[in-house]
């Protein structure tokens, strides 16, 4: 399965179904036990989160949020990149990384084109002020001294041409930096929430599968509390690196306050006009925003950790009946029940006597199943299930115990060094393989290693999950990279140059996070009792 996932000789989802065939035939697990792994609680959370994301995209709420944030941030060139990156990161926390990238790139292009055109018009006005027209309509420079030779005129023309080339090069670099910033921030932003990217869901599912008595240590609230600060830190450092690489970093220009130029005012008007085209917020957008907000609030308050959550008080006194998946399915079901507009009343004939009566037309719901069926990535759902089945099969067959025993010599290496080395390995591996397949393959092995050398399993599993999202160096590494590469005037060398440093930044930040507030949040400095699992021979 590892070989098939890496080479993609057959579709990833088909490879994920191989345990259904091979485990019963090899007498590793019964068919019923294998098949039940494909629709666990983590899969329900994944489905519910995706349905909410589909509803947000269906009613263009994400575009309204993006344009509103850009109106607040402004279009000062030094802040353009941080504005687009922060907006993309926020959106990718809730919708797919690919959708956030595909939506933000055209907006960025429109703003940059407007900025370039405005600067070109300014240069043209300066040219007109310096030149006059002769009888044939050709520009001739007004010279203070009529005896000045034409050499000065040619020098002025050459200077204007150099200024034009310099302007085009500047905006070409800015366009590259903006495109890379958007696709990178989509991958970075997805790490902040449990449903933001598939590897996060795989981590939760694998921990619940391999360590069933962990007490729900990973939920939406705990993951957000740990991951959001790390995401912000990584995003800031990434912006700083891209700013230096493609724009240049001037502290006074970047953070100083000054009056907006005419060009910046025109760029701001472009975004404002795009926002006006959306019109007033519709009834459907308001409903989607309300359901989305309620979902996030219910996720955060279900089991916050420092106080009893509503699920603990109402349902989970004895057993863990209600989970984040329960909440996700509950709220996503509302999209199929709530109408997309208020009912409209019209008059129609009710009988043969020509008498009319008022009749109500039932509006369509916020979402239809045909839309969800078309946009939901069913292949990823199967891939999640295949990873859970593979982890369960490794446990049942004794492969996990064997792997753990072979990795016991690693206990002589400091845990922080193990974490850094594993992050480097996963970050390199994910450049050539999907991050979903990477986490599916590595996490069970890392769990076995952690149990064998008696370190907290999450101390290595969380950093490697983050590292699987650090696919910044190649266009084929992740869909946002491919979208940005095909959209802009990027070259592979541009992505390699920028992405290699971002990989290092990402590995440093996640290991900083796991060794500081991660230790405090999850007690990573002690080996937990729930990790003392007995592996079946």
Foldseek 3Di string as FASTA:
>chain_A
DLVCQLVVPDPLLVVLCVCLPPCVVVVLDDNVVLVVLLDDLLLLLLLLLALLQLLCVVLVVLVLQLLVQCLVQAPQPLRPQVSLLVSLLQSLQRHPLLVSLVNSLVLSVVLLVLLLVVVVVVLVVVQPVQWDADPVRDTDGDDPDPPDDCVVVVVVVVVSVVVNVVSVLLSQLVSLLNLLSNSLSSLLSLQLFCNSDLLSSLLQLLCCLQQVPPVCLDFGQLSNVQRVVLSVQLSVVLSVLSCCVRPNDDPCSNPPDDDDDPSSVVSSVVSVVVSCVSPDDAPQSVVSVVLVVVLVVCRCQPPVPVDHGPCCVPPPVPHNPDGNSNSSVVSSVVQQVAASHDWDWDWDDDDPVRDIDIDTDGHGGSDDVVSSVVPPPVSSSSLSSSLSSVLNSCLSVVVLLVLQVVLQVCLVPDLLVVQLVLLVVLLVSLLSGPLSSSLSPVLSSLLSNCLSSQFASCLRSVSSSQSSSLNQQACPSDSSSVVSVVPGVDDSVSRNVSSVVSSVSSSVSVSVSCVPVVCVSSVRRHRDPSSPDDGHD
